[in-house]
């Protein structure tokens, strides 16, 4: 499967940024629609789904990236960049995830809110980003409740007249997140202690592993152009062998070739595709964030216990 990204934390090329500025400058503020709903833009599909759950019909919410996109170093296209014209608010993850978006959004003159504010970050433990915050905090339902509260605050400041709507929607959504958290702990807690090890391509499950009592190993810490090096593969093979891990996994937005090699060398099976950075299209396996969390838990349990999805 071809990769859909460039090296991590690389800034967009100058020509693309210049095109973005021209596009934004050429769009009038009326494009947002006088008297229409407020417009909110999120950096990726997971955040958009969470924001829509809180906003309901009161606010228009759109994602700059499309389902299936790799977000770490996504380069916006001209059509993507047009979405910023006239938006009232941008919701971003933070924790270093969307550095590709910074200069572009500053030029859009929109309010910004960082949804991971208040999350206790887990540091990346290896590679060139060692010590920096792991950005995948949304993979914890407990953290997701922090995201939801930050969304409520941002939307209420944007549209005070709908504050009661946002609060009521958020309360319902937090109840659903609590149910998912119970499900995750229950399902992953069924694993025998020796099988409570999650081996993935990217180190995107640190928060989920922490909350669910799983040991974690991965090939690379952050999606980059240094994926599946001989050193990464050798270290992962050692972990799988020493811990008798029955299955290894890879994420939907990356190439699983290196993980296939780990499986061949250890006798582990490929346990299935996990979703982290993007939802699927409608009709796909994870069209919502809540479904993403449940799907990943079911996939991990089935893979590690020998069950079928």
C-alpha atoms as a PDB file:
ATOM      1  CA  UNK A   1       0.000   0.000   0.000  1.00  0.00           C
ATOM      2  CA  UNK A   2       1.600   3.328  -0.977  1.00  0.00           C
ATOM      3  CA  UNK A   3       2.364   5.850   1.692  1.00  0.00           C
ATOM      4  CA  UNK A   4       0.425   9.110   1.806  1.00  0.00           C
ATOM      5  CA  UNK A   5       2.817  11.341   3.645  1.00  0.00           C
ATOM      6  CA  UNK A   6       6.173  13.091   3.771  1.00  0.00           C
ATOM      7  CA  UNK A   7       8.812  13.214   6.503  1.00  0.00           C
ATOM      8  CA  UNK A   8       7.454  14.195   9.946  1.00  0.00           C
ATOM      9  CA  UNK A   9       7.301  17.795  11.036  1.00  0.00           C
ATOM     10  CA  UNK A  10       8.499  19.125   7.685  1.00  0.00           C
ATOM     11  CA  UNK A  11       6.953  22.488   6.833  1.00  0.00           C
ATOM     12  CA  UNK A  12       4.902  22.780   3.634  1.00  0.00           C
ATOM     13  CA  UNK A  13       6.855  23.800   0.562  1.00  0.00           C
ATOM     14  CA  UNK A  14       7.115  27.515  -0.086  1.00  0.00           C
ATOM     15  CA  UNK A  15       5.145  27.371  -3.317  1.00  0.00           C
ATOM     16  CA  UNK A  16       2.201  25.676  -1.670  1.00  0.00           C
ATOM     17  CA  UNK A  17       2.194  28.146   1.196  1.00  0.00           C
ATOM     18  CA  UNK A  18       2.275  31.042  -1.244  1.00  0.00           C
ATOM     19  CA  UNK A  19      -0.646  29.520  -3.122  1.00  0.00           C
ATOM     20  CA  UNK A  20      -2.519  29.212   0.170  1.00  0.00           C
ATOM     21  CA  UNK A  21      -2.022  32.852   0.985  1.00  0.00           C
ATOM     22  CA  UNK A  22      -3.219  33.913  -2.449  1.00  0.00           C
ATOM     23  CA  UNK A  23      -6.300  31.720  -2.183  1.00  0.00           C
ATOM     24  CA  UNK A  24      -7.182  33.056   1.234  1.00  0.00           C
ATOM     25  CA  UNK A  25      -6.526  36.643   0.243  1.00  0.00           C
ATOM     26  CA  UNK A  26      -8.745  36.244  -2.804  1.00  0.00           C
ATOM     27  CA  UNK A  27     -11.769  35.046  -0.835  1.00  0.00           C
ATOM     28  CA  UNK A  28     -14.075  37.624   0.723  1.00  0.00           C
ATOM     29  CA  UNK A  29     -15.259  37.391   4.290  1.00  0.00           C
ATOM     30  CA  UNK A  30     -18.776  37.105   2.900  1.00  0.00           C
ATOM     31  CA  UNK A  31     -17.930  33.591   1.709  1.00  0.00           C
ATOM     32  CA  UNK A  32     -18.750  32.338   5.193  1.00  0.00           C
ATOM     33  CA  UNK A  33     -22.327  33.497   4.643  1.00  0.00           C
ATOM     34  CA  UNK A  34     -23.765  36.411   6.572  1.00  0.00           C
ATOM     35  CA  UNK A  35     -26.368  35.215   9.000  1.00  0.00           C
ATOM     36  CA  UNK A  36     -25.439  31.554   8.445  1.00  0.00           C
ATOM     37  CA  UNK A  37     -24.217  29.089  11.044  1.00  0.00           C
ATOM     38  CA  UNK A  38     -20.727  29.593  12.398  1.00  0.00           C
ATOM     39  CA  UNK A  39     -18.095  27.584  10.543  1.00  0.00           C
ATOM     40  CA  UNK A  40     -15.601  25.374  12.349  1.00  0.00           C
ATOM     41  CA  UNK A  41     -12.642  23.651  10.707  1.00  0.00           C
ATOM     42  CA  UNK A  42     -10.768  20.769  12.339  1.00  0.00           C
ATOM     43  CA  UNK A  43      -7.412  19.389  11.321  1.00  0.00           C
ATOM     44  CA  UNK A  44      -8.527  15.775  10.909  1.00  0.00           C
ATOM     45  CA  UNK A  45     -11.589  13.580  10.811  1.00  0.00           C
ATOM     46  CA  UNK A  46     -11.521  12.294  14.390  1.00  0.00           C
ATOM     47  CA  UNK A  47     -11.717  15.822  15.785  1.00  0.00           C
ATOM     48  CA  UNK A  48     -14.450  16.715  13.308  1.00  0.00           C
ATOM     49  CA  UNK A  49     -16.598  13.814  14.472  1.00  0.00           C
ATOM     50  CA  UNK A  50     -16.163  14.772  18.119  1.00  0.00           C
ATOM     51  CA  UNK A  51     -16.954  18.408  17.365  1.00  0.00           C
ATOM     52  CA  UNK A  52     -20.089  17.488  15.397  1.00  0.00           C
ATOM     53  CA  UNK A  53     -21.325  15.423  18.332  1.00  0.00           C
ATOM     54  CA  UNK A  54     -21.093  18.505  20.543  1.00  0.00           C
ATOM     55  CA  UNK A  55     -22.224  21.088  17.988  1.00  0.00           C
ATOM     56  CA  UNK A  56     -25.228  19.215  16.661  1.00  0.00           C
ATOM     57  CA  UNK A  57     -26.949  21.347  14.022  1.00  0.00           C
ATOM     58  CA  UNK A  58     -25.988  24.628  15.668  1.00  0.00           C
ATOM     59  CA  UNK A  59     -22.573  24.941  14.019  1.00  0.00           C
ATOM     60  CA  UNK A  60     -21.115  23.712  10.717  1.00  0.00           C
ATOM     61  CA  UNK A  61     -18.059  21.471  11.227  1.00  0.00           C
ATOM     62  CA  UNK A  62     -15.648  20.308   8.526  1.00  0.00           C
ATOM     63  CA  UNK A  63     -12.273  18.492   8.498  1.00  0.00           C
ATOM     64  CA  UNK A  64      -9.375  19.796   6.448  1.00  0.00           C
ATOM     65  CA  UNK A  65      -8.207  16.200   5.822  1.00  0.00           C
ATOM     66  CA  UNK A  66     -10.329  13.497   4.258  1.00  0.00           C
ATOM     67  CA  UNK A  67     -11.015   9.987   5.588  1.00  0.00           C
ATOM     68  CA  UNK A  68      -7.978   7.764   5.192  1.00  0.00           C
ATOM     69  CA  UNK A  69      -5.409  10.577   5.161  1.00  0.00           C
ATOM     70  CA  UNK A  70      -2.167  10.328   7.110  1.00  0.00           C
ATOM     71  CA  UNK A  71      -2.144  13.456   9.274  1.00  0.00           C
ATOM     72  CA  UNK A  72       1.371  13.776  10.678  1.00  0.00           C
ATOM     73  CA  UNK A  73       2.780  15.520   7.632  1.00  0.00           C
ATOM     74  CA  UNK A  74      -0.231  16.021   5.437  1.00  0.00           C
ATOM     75  CA  UNK A  75       0.325  18.706   2.801  1.00  0.00           C
ATOM     76  CA  UNK A  76      -2.889  20.616   2.070  1.00  0.00           C
ATOM     77  CA  UNK A  77      -4.015  20.828  -1.527  1.00  0.00           C
ATOM     78  CA  UNK A  78      -5.331  24.092  -2.998  1.00  0.00           C
ATOM     79  CA  UNK A  79      -8.908  22.840  -2.581  1.00  0.00           C
ATOM     80  CA  UNK A  80      -8.167  21.976   1.053  1.00  0.00           C
ATOM     81  CA  UNK A  81      -6.749  25.414   1.655  1.00  0.00           C
ATOM     82  CA  UNK A  82      -9.863  27.131   0.350  1.00  0.00           C
ATOM     83  CA  UNK A  83     -11.779  25.646   3.260  1.00  0.00           C
ATOM     84  CA  UNK A  84     -10.072  28.080   5.609  1.00  0.00           C
ATOM     85  CA  UNK A  85     -11.582  31.139   3.933  1.00  0.00           C
ATOM     86  CA  UNK A  86     -14.207  32.620   6.214  1.00  0.00           C
ATOM     87  CA  UNK A  87     -14.006  29.989   8.945  1.00  0.00           C
ATOM     88  CA  UNK A  88     -14.717  31.242  12.445  1.00  0.00           C
ATOM     89  CA  UNK A  89     -12.781  28.687  14.486  1.00  0.00           C
ATOM     90  CA  UNK A  90     -10.078  26.068  13.987  1.00  0.00           C
ATOM     91  CA  UNK A  91      -9.884  23.080  16.324  1.00  0.00           C
ATOM     92  CA  UNK A  92      -6.542  21.310  16.469  1.00  0.00           C
ATOM     93  CA  UNK A  93      -5.104  18.446  18.464  1.00  0.00           C
ATOM     94  CA  UNK A  94      -1.844  20.055  19.535  1.00  0.00           C
ATOM     95  CA  UNK A  95       1.035  18.118  21.131  1.00  0.00           C
ATOM     96  CA  UNK A  96       3.109  18.772  18.003  1.00  0.00           C
ATOM     97  CA  UNK A  97       0.803  16.881  15.659  1.00  0.00           C
ATOM     98  CA  UNK A  98      -0.156  19.580  13.172  1.00  0.00           C
ATOM     99  CA  UNK A  99       2.965  21.649  12.637  1.00  0.00           C
ATOM    100  CA  UNK A 100       2.179  21.486   8.926  1.00  0.00           C
ATOM    101  CA  UNK A 101      -0.914  23.573   9.649  1.00  0.00           C
ATOM    102  CA  UNK A 102       0.488  26.410  11.738  1.00  0.00           C
ATOM    103  CA  UNK A 103       1.505  29.005   9.166  1.00  0.00           C
ATOM    104  CA  UNK A 104      -1.503  28.259   6.995  1.00  0.00           C
ATOM    105  CA  UNK A 105      -4.030  28.728   9.817  1.00  0.00           C
ATOM    106  CA  UNK A 106      -2.367  31.908  11.070  1.00  0.00           C
ATOM    107  CA  UNK A 107      -3.053  33.433   7.677  1.00  0.00           C
ATOM    108  CA  UNK A 108      -6.726  32.438   7.874  1.00  0.00           C
ATOM    109  CA  UNK A 109      -7.329  34.902  10.733  1.00  0.00           C
ATOM    110  CA  UNK A 110      -9.569  32.459  12.605  1.00  0.00           C
ATOM    111  CA  UNK A 111      -9.785  31.744  16.313  1.00  0.00           C
ATOM    112  CA  UNK A 112      -7.979  28.573  17.385  1.00  0.00           C
ATOM    113  CA  UNK A 113      -8.487  26.069  20.164  1.00  0.00           C
ATOM    114  CA  UNK A 114      -6.162  23.220  21.138  1.00  0.00           C
ATOM    115  CA  UNK A 115      -8.227  20.246  22.241  1.00  0.00           C
ATOM    116  CA  UNK A 116      -5.468  18.379  24.092  1.00  0.00           C
ATOM    117  CA  UNK A 117      -5.058  21.217  26.605  1.00  0.00           C
ATOM    118  CA  UNK A 118      -5.224  19.646  30.066  1.00  0.00           C
ATOM    119  CA  UNK A 119      -4.120  16.170  28.959  1.00  0.00           C
ATOM    120  CA  UNK A 120      -1.179  14.637  30.801  1.00  0.00           C
ATOM    121  CA  UNK A 121       1.165  13.805  27.905  1.00  0.00           C
ATOM    122  CA  UNK A 122       3.097  10.580  27.580  1.00  0.00           C
ATOM    123  CA  UNK A 123       6.628  11.221  26.255  1.00  0.00           C
ATOM    124  CA  UNK A 124       7.895   9.446  23.161  1.00  0.00           C
ATOM    125  CA  UNK A 125      10.573   7.073  24.391  1.00  0.00           C
ATOM    126  CA  UNK A 126      12.804   6.580  21.345  1.00  0.00           C
ATOM    127  CA  UNK A 127      13.887   8.021  18.021  1.00  0.00           C
ATOM    128  CA  UNK A 128      14.514  11.616  17.002  1.00  0.00           C
ATOM    129  CA  UNK A 129      11.422  12.792  18.907  1.00  0.00           C
ATOM    130  CA  UNK A 130      12.413  11.120  22.172  1.00  0.00           C
ATOM    131  CA  UNK A 131      11.091  13.093  25.116  1.00  0.00           C
ATOM    132  CA  UNK A 132       8.493  15.006  23.103  1.00  0.00           C
ATOM    133  CA  UNK A 133       4.802  14.429  23.782  1.00  0.00           C
ATOM    134  CA  UNK A 134       3.115  11.518  22.066  1.00  0.00           C
ATOM    135  CA  UNK A 135       0.370  13.346  20.135  1.00  0.00           C
ATOM    136  CA  UNK A 136      -2.189  10.499  20.014  1.00  0.00           C
ATOM    137  CA  UNK A 137      -3.969  11.465  23.221  1.00  0.00           C
ATOM    138  CA  UNK A 138      -7.435  10.998  21.684  1.00  0.00           C
ATOM    139  CA  UNK A 139      -6.909   7.225  21.760  1.00  0.00           C
ATOM    140  CA  UNK A 140      -7.825   7.330  25.456  1.00  0.00           C
ATOM    141  CA  UNK A 141     -11.556   7.746  26.231  1.00  0.00           C
ATOM    142  CA  UNK A 142     -10.570   9.478  29.468  1.00  0.00           C
ATOM    143  CA  UNK A 143      -8.584  12.013  27.463  1.00  0.00           C
ATOM    144  CA  UNK A 144     -11.437  12.292  24.987  1.00  0.00           C
ATOM    145  CA  UNK A 145     -13.622  13.691  27.743  1.00  0.00           C
ATOM    146  CA  UNK A 146     -11.046  16.466  28.163  1.00  0.00           C
ATOM    147  CA  UNK A 147     -11.240  17.091  24.417  1.00  0.00           C
ATOM    148  CA  UNK A 148     -15.026  17.315  24.633  1.00  0.00           C
ATOM    149  CA  UNK A 149     -14.909  19.875  27.429  1.00  0.00           C
ATOM    150  CA  UNK A 150     -12.442  21.955  25.451  1.00  0.00           C
ATOM    151  CA  UNK A 151     -14.783  21.765  22.452  1.00  0.00           C
ATOM    152  CA  UNK A 152     -17.677  22.993  24.598  1.00  0.00           C
ATOM    153  CA  UNK A 153     -15.604  25.923  25.829  1.00  0.00           C
ATOM    154  CA  UNK A 154     -14.479  26.878  22.317  1.00  0.00           C
ATOM    155  CA  UNK A 155     -17.948  26.583  20.775  1.00  0.00           C
ATOM    156  CA  UNK A 156     -19.578  28.480  23.615  1.00  0.00           C
ATOM    157  CA  UNK A 157     -17.131  31.357  23.192  1.00  0.00           C
ATOM    158  CA  UNK A 158     -17.834  31.297  19.453  1.00  0.00           C
ATOM    159  CA  UNK A 159     -21.619  31.045  19.706  1.00  0.00           C
ATOM    160  CA  UNK A 160     -22.877  31.880  23.224  1.00  0.00           C
ATOM    161  CA  UNK A 161     -26.504  31.681  22.146  1.00  0.00           C
ATOM    162  CA  UNK A 162     -26.194  27.916  21.721  1.00  0.00           C
ATOM    163  CA  UNK A 163     -24.304  27.262  24.965  1.00  0.00           C
ATOM    164  CA  UNK A 164     -27.106  25.121  26.391  1.00  0.00           C
ATOM    165  CA  UNK A 165     -27.172  22.985  23.225  1.00  0.00           C
ATOM    166  CA  UNK A 166     -23.443  22.373  23.388  1.00  0.00           C
ATOM    167  CA  UNK A 167     -23.575  21.493  27.077  1.00  0.00           C
ATOM    168  CA  UNK A 168     -26.447  19.012  26.642  1.00  0.00           C
ATOM    169  CA  UNK A 169     -24.852  17.353  23.614  1.00  0.00           C
ATOM    170  CA  UNK A 170     -21.532  17.074  25.430  1.00  0.00           C
ATOM    171  CA  UNK A 171     -23.117  15.418  28.441  1.00  0.00           C
ATOM    172  CA  UNK A 172     -24.702  12.765  26.219  1.00  0.00           C
ATOM    173  CA  UNK A 173     -21.447  12.237  24.363  1.00  0.00           C
ATOM    174  CA  UNK A 174     -19.418  11.928  27.555  1.00  0.00           C
ATOM    175  CA  UNK A 175     -21.834   9.244  28.738  1.00  0.00           C
ATOM    176  CA  UNK A 176     -21.158   7.333  25.518  1.00  0.00           C
ATOM    177  CA  UNK A 177     -17.415   7.758  26.034  1.00  0.00           C
ATOM    178  CA  UNK A 178     -17.766   6.326  29.539  1.00  0.00           C
ATOM    179  CA  UNK A 179     -19.540   3.282  28.081  1.00  0.00           C
ATOM    180  CA  UNK A 180     -16.752   2.815  25.544  1.00  0.00           C
ATOM    181  CA  UNK A 181     -14.134   3.126  28.291  1.00  0.00           C
ATOM    182  CA  UNK A 182     -15.894   0.411  30.289  1.00  0.00           C
ATOM    183  CA  UNK A 183     -16.056  -1.764  27.181  1.00  0.00           C
ATOM    184  CA  UNK A 184     -12.339  -1.277  26.454  1.00  0.00           C
ATOM    185  CA  UNK A 185     -11.281  -2.130  29.990  1.00  0.00           C
ATOM    186  CA  UNK A 186     -13.602  -5.140  30.051  1.00  0.00           C
ATOM    187  CA  UNK A 187     -12.590  -6.568  26.682  1.00  0.00           C
ATOM    188  CA  UNK A 188      -8.873  -5.936  26.975  1.00  0.00           C
ATOM    189  CA  UNK A 189      -8.992  -7.082  30.600  1.00  0.00           C
ATOM    190  CA  UNK A 190     -10.107 -10.518  29.425  1.00  0.00           C
ATOM    191  CA  UNK A 191      -6.681 -11.146  27.952  1.00  0.00           C
ATOM    192  CA  UNK A 192      -4.461 -13.490  29.956  1.00  0.00           C
ATOM    193  CA  UNK A 193      -1.606 -11.539  31.579  1.00  0.00           C
ATOM    194  CA  UNK A 194       0.948 -13.102  29.254  1.00  0.00           C
ATOM    195  CA  UNK A 195      -1.003 -11.885  26.214  1.00  0.00           C
ATOM    196  CA  UNK A 196      -1.419  -8.283  27.339  1.00  0.00           C
ATOM    197  CA  UNK A 197       1.108  -6.931  24.874  1.00  0.00           C
ATOM    198  CA  UNK A 198       0.196  -4.680  21.970  1.00  0.00           C
ATOM    199  CA  UNK A 199       2.699  -4.529  19.090  1.00  0.00           C
ATOM    200  CA  UNK A 200       1.924  -2.004  16.359  1.00  0.00           C
ATOM    201  CA  UNK A 201       3.644  -0.213  13.501  1.00  0.00           C
ATOM    202  CA  UNK A 202       3.412   3.304  14.938  1.00  0.00           C
ATOM    203  CA  UNK A 203       3.594   4.083  18.643  1.00  0.00           C
ATOM    204  CA  UNK A 204       0.089   5.515  18.553  1.00  0.00           C
ATOM    205  CA  UNK A 205      -1.415   3.446  21.357  1.00  0.00           C
ATOM    206  CA  UNK A 206       0.545   4.630  24.383  1.00  0.00           C
ATOM    207  CA  UNK A 207      -2.496   6.257  26.011  1.00  0.00           C
ATOM    208  CA  UNK A 208      -4.770   3.312  25.280  1.00  0.00           C
ATOM    209  CA  UNK A 209      -2.137   0.850  26.534  1.00  0.00           C
ATOM    210  CA  UNK A 210      -1.653   2.841  29.735  1.00  0.00           C
ATOM    211  CA  UNK A 211      -5.382   2.962  30.458  1.00  0.00           C
ATOM    212  CA  UNK A 212      -5.925  -0.707  29.613  1.00  0.00           C
ATOM    213  CA  UNK A 213      -2.926  -2.280  31.321  1.00  0.00           C
ATOM    214  CA  UNK A 214      -1.194  -3.369  28.116  1.00  0.00           C
ATOM    215  CA  UNK A 215       2.529  -3.540  27.524  1.00  0.00           C
ATOM    216  CA  UNK A 216       3.370  -1.654  24.345  1.00  0.00           C
ATOM    217  CA  UNK A 217       5.938  -2.126  21.590  1.00  0.00           C
ATOM    218  CA  UNK A 218       6.109  -0.624  18.128  1.00  0.00           C
ATOM    219  CA  UNK A 219       8.313  -0.407  15.084  1.00  0.00           C
ATOM    220  CA  UNK A 220       8.582   3.391  14.963  1.00  0.00           C
ATOM    221  CA  UNK A 221       7.413   6.045  17.427  1.00  0.00           C
ATOM    222  CA  UNK A 222       5.941   8.556  14.960  1.00  0.00           C
ATOM    223  CA  UNK A 223       4.989   8.097  11.314  1.00  0.00           C
ATOM    224  CA  UNK A 224       7.968   9.273   9.281  1.00  0.00           C
ATOM    225  CA  UNK A 225      10.236   8.472   6.392  1.00  0.00           C
ATOM    226  CA  UNK A 226      12.304   6.267   8.745  1.00  0.00           C
ATOM    227  CA  UNK A 227       9.812   3.445   8.990  1.00  0.00           C
ATOM    228  CA  UNK A 228      10.780  -0.181   9.222  1.00  0.00           C
ATOM    229  CA  UNK A 229      14.540   0.194   9.550  1.00  0.00           C
ATOM    230  CA  UNK A 230      16.564  -2.975  10.242  1.00  0.00           C
ATOM    231  CA  UNK A 231      17.128  -1.766  13.809  1.00  0.00           C
ATOM    232  CA  UNK A 232      13.424  -1.151  14.387  1.00  0.00           C
ATOM    233  CA  UNK A 233      12.484  -4.540  12.991  1.00  0.00           C
ATOM    234  CA  UNK A 234      15.163  -6.346  15.017  1.00  0.00           C
ATOM    235  CA  UNK A 235      14.066  -4.708  18.279  1.00  0.00           C
ATOM    236  CA  UNK A 236      10.421  -5.556  17.622  1.00  0.00           C
ATOM    237  CA  UNK A 237      11.254  -9.138  16.694  1.00  0.00           C
ATOM    238  CA  UNK A 238      13.126  -9.488  19.994  1.00  0.00           C
ATOM    239  CA  UNK A 239      10.162  -8.137  21.972  1.00  0.00           C
ATOM    240  CA  UNK A 240       7.690 -10.452  20.225  1.00  0.00           C
ATOM    241  CA  UNK A 241       9.876 -13.513  20.766  1.00  0.00           C
ATOM    242  CA  UNK A 242      10.727 -12.762  24.399  1.00  0.00           C
ATOM    243  CA  UNK A 243       7.079 -12.130  25.261  1.00  0.00           C
ATOM    244  CA  UNK A 244       5.558 -14.860  23.043  1.00  0.00           C
ATOM    245  CA  UNK A 245       3.252 -12.272  21.457  1.00  0.00           C
ATOM    246  CA  UNK A 246       0.746 -14.168  19.284  1.00  0.00           C
ATOM    247  CA  UNK A 247      -0.257 -11.316  16.973  1.00  0.00           C
ATOM    248  CA  UNK A 248       1.056  -7.971  15.750  1.00  0.00           C
ATOM    249  CA  UNK A 249      -0.888  -5.104  14.193  1.00  0.00           C
ATOM    250  CA  UNK A 250      -0.533  -2.161  11.841  1.00  0.00           C
ATOM    251  CA  UNK A 251      -2.541   1.008  11.249  1.00  0.00           C
ATOM    252  CA  UNK A 252      -4.726   1.859   8.298  1.00  0.00           C
ATOM    253  CA  UNK A 253      -2.682   4.837   7.108  1.00  0.00           C
ATOM    254  CA  UNK A 254       0.737   3.150   6.820  1.00  0.00           C
ATOM    255  CA  UNK A 255       2.409   0.363   4.866  1.00  0.00           C
ATOM    256  CA  UNK A 256       2.517  -2.906   6.854  1.00  0.00           C
ATOM    257  CA  UNK A 257       5.492  -4.405   4.972  1.00  0.00           C
ATOM    258  CA  UNK A 258       7.850  -4.141   7.957  1.00  0.00           C
ATOM    259  CA  UNK A 259       5.274  -5.675  10.290  1.00  0.00           C
ATOM    260  CA  UNK A 260       4.826  -8.542   7.843  1.00  0.00           C
ATOM    261  CA  UNK A 261       8.551  -9.222   8.225  1.00  0.00           C
ATOM    262  CA  UNK A 262       8.190  -9.239  12.025  1.00  0.00           C
ATOM    263  CA  UNK A 263       5.383 -11.771  11.702  1.00  0.00           C
ATOM    264  CA  UNK A 264       7.423 -14.002   9.398  1.00  0.00           C
ATOM    265  CA  UNK A 265      10.482 -13.964  11.647  1.00  0.00           C
ATOM    266  CA  UNK A 266       8.593 -14.641  14.879  1.00  0.00           C
ATOM    267  CA  UNK A 267       5.690 -16.841  13.827  1.00  0.00           C
ATOM    268  CA  UNK A 268       3.207 -14.247  15.078  1.00  0.00           C
ATOM    269  CA  UNK A 269       0.233 -13.514  12.884  1.00  0.00           C
ATOM    270  CA  UNK A 270      -0.910 -10.189  11.545  1.00  0.00           C
ATOM    271  CA  UNK A 271      -3.840  -9.538  13.815  1.00  0.00           C
ATOM    272  CA  UNK A 272      -5.642  -6.966  11.696  1.00  0.00           C
ATOM    273  CA  UNK A 273      -5.769  -3.307  10.787  1.00  0.00           C
ATOM    274  CA  UNK A 274      -6.150  -0.693  13.515  1.00  0.00           C
ATOM    275  CA  UNK A 275      -7.452   2.836  13.076  1.00  0.00           C
ATOM    276  CA  UNK A 276      -5.907   5.872  14.750  1.00  0.00           C
ATOM    277  CA  UNK A 277      -5.294   8.954  12.635  1.00  0.00           C
ATOM    278  CA  UNK A 278      -8.399   8.834  10.482  1.00  0.00           C
ATOM    279  CA  UNK A 279     -11.965   7.631  10.349  1.00  0.00           C
ATOM    280  CA  UNK A 280     -13.201   5.631   7.388  1.00  0.00           C
ATOM    281  CA  UNK A 281     -15.744   6.748   4.836  1.00  0.00           C
ATOM    282  CA  UNK A 282     -19.424   6.278   5.673  1.00  0.00           C
ATOM    283  CA  UNK A 283     -20.149   2.569   5.296  1.00  0.00           C
ATOM    284  CA  UNK A 284     -16.590   1.682   6.309  1.00  0.00           C
ATOM    285  CA  UNK A 285     -15.563  -0.022   9.551  1.00  0.00           C
ATOM    286  CA  UNK A 286     -14.997   3.152  11.621  1.00  0.00           C
ATOM    287  CA  UNK A 287     -17.181   6.037  10.385  1.00  0.00           C
ATOM    288  CA  UNK A 288     -17.230   7.578  13.886  1.00  0.00           C
ATOM    289  CA  UNK A 289     -14.716   8.078  16.666  1.00  0.00           C
ATOM    290  CA  UNK A 290     -16.711   5.936  19.104  1.00  0.00           C
ATOM    291  CA  UNK A 291     -16.784   3.122  16.565  1.00  0.00           C
ATOM    292  CA  UNK A 292     -13.024   3.502  16.035  1.00  0.00           C
ATOM    293  CA  UNK A 293     -12.314   2.870  19.712  1.00  0.00           C
ATOM    294  CA  UNK A 294     -14.632  -0.128  19.873  1.00  0.00           C
ATOM    295  CA  UNK A 295     -13.357  -1.585  16.591  1.00  0.00           C
ATOM    296  CA  UNK A 296      -9.716  -1.367  17.682  1.00  0.00           C
ATOM    297  CA  UNK A 297     -10.473  -3.063  21.020  1.00  0.00           C
ATOM    298  CA  UNK A 298     -12.354  -5.873  19.277  1.00  0.00           C
ATOM    299  CA  UNK A 299      -9.535  -6.309  16.750  1.00  0.00           C
ATOM    300  CA  UNK A 300      -6.819  -6.451  19.419  1.00  0.00           C
ATOM    301  CA  UNK A 301      -8.714  -8.939  21.579  1.00  0.00           C
ATOM    302  CA  UNK A 302      -9.547 -11.168  18.593  1.00  0.00           C
ATOM    303  CA  UNK A 303      -5.949 -11.091  17.376  1.00  0.00           C
ATOM    304  CA  UNK A 304      -4.349 -11.842  20.730  1.00  0.00           C
ATOM    305  CA  UNK A 305      -6.806 -14.593  21.698  1.00  0.00           C
ATOM    306  CA  UNK A 306      -6.970 -16.282  18.298  1.00  0.00           C
ATOM    307  CA  UNK A 307     -10.572 -15.284  17.694  1.00  0.00           C
ATOM    308  CA  UNK A 308     -12.002 -14.070  14.404  1.00  0.00           C
ATOM    309  CA  UNK A 309     -13.261 -10.559  13.822  1.00  0.00           C
END
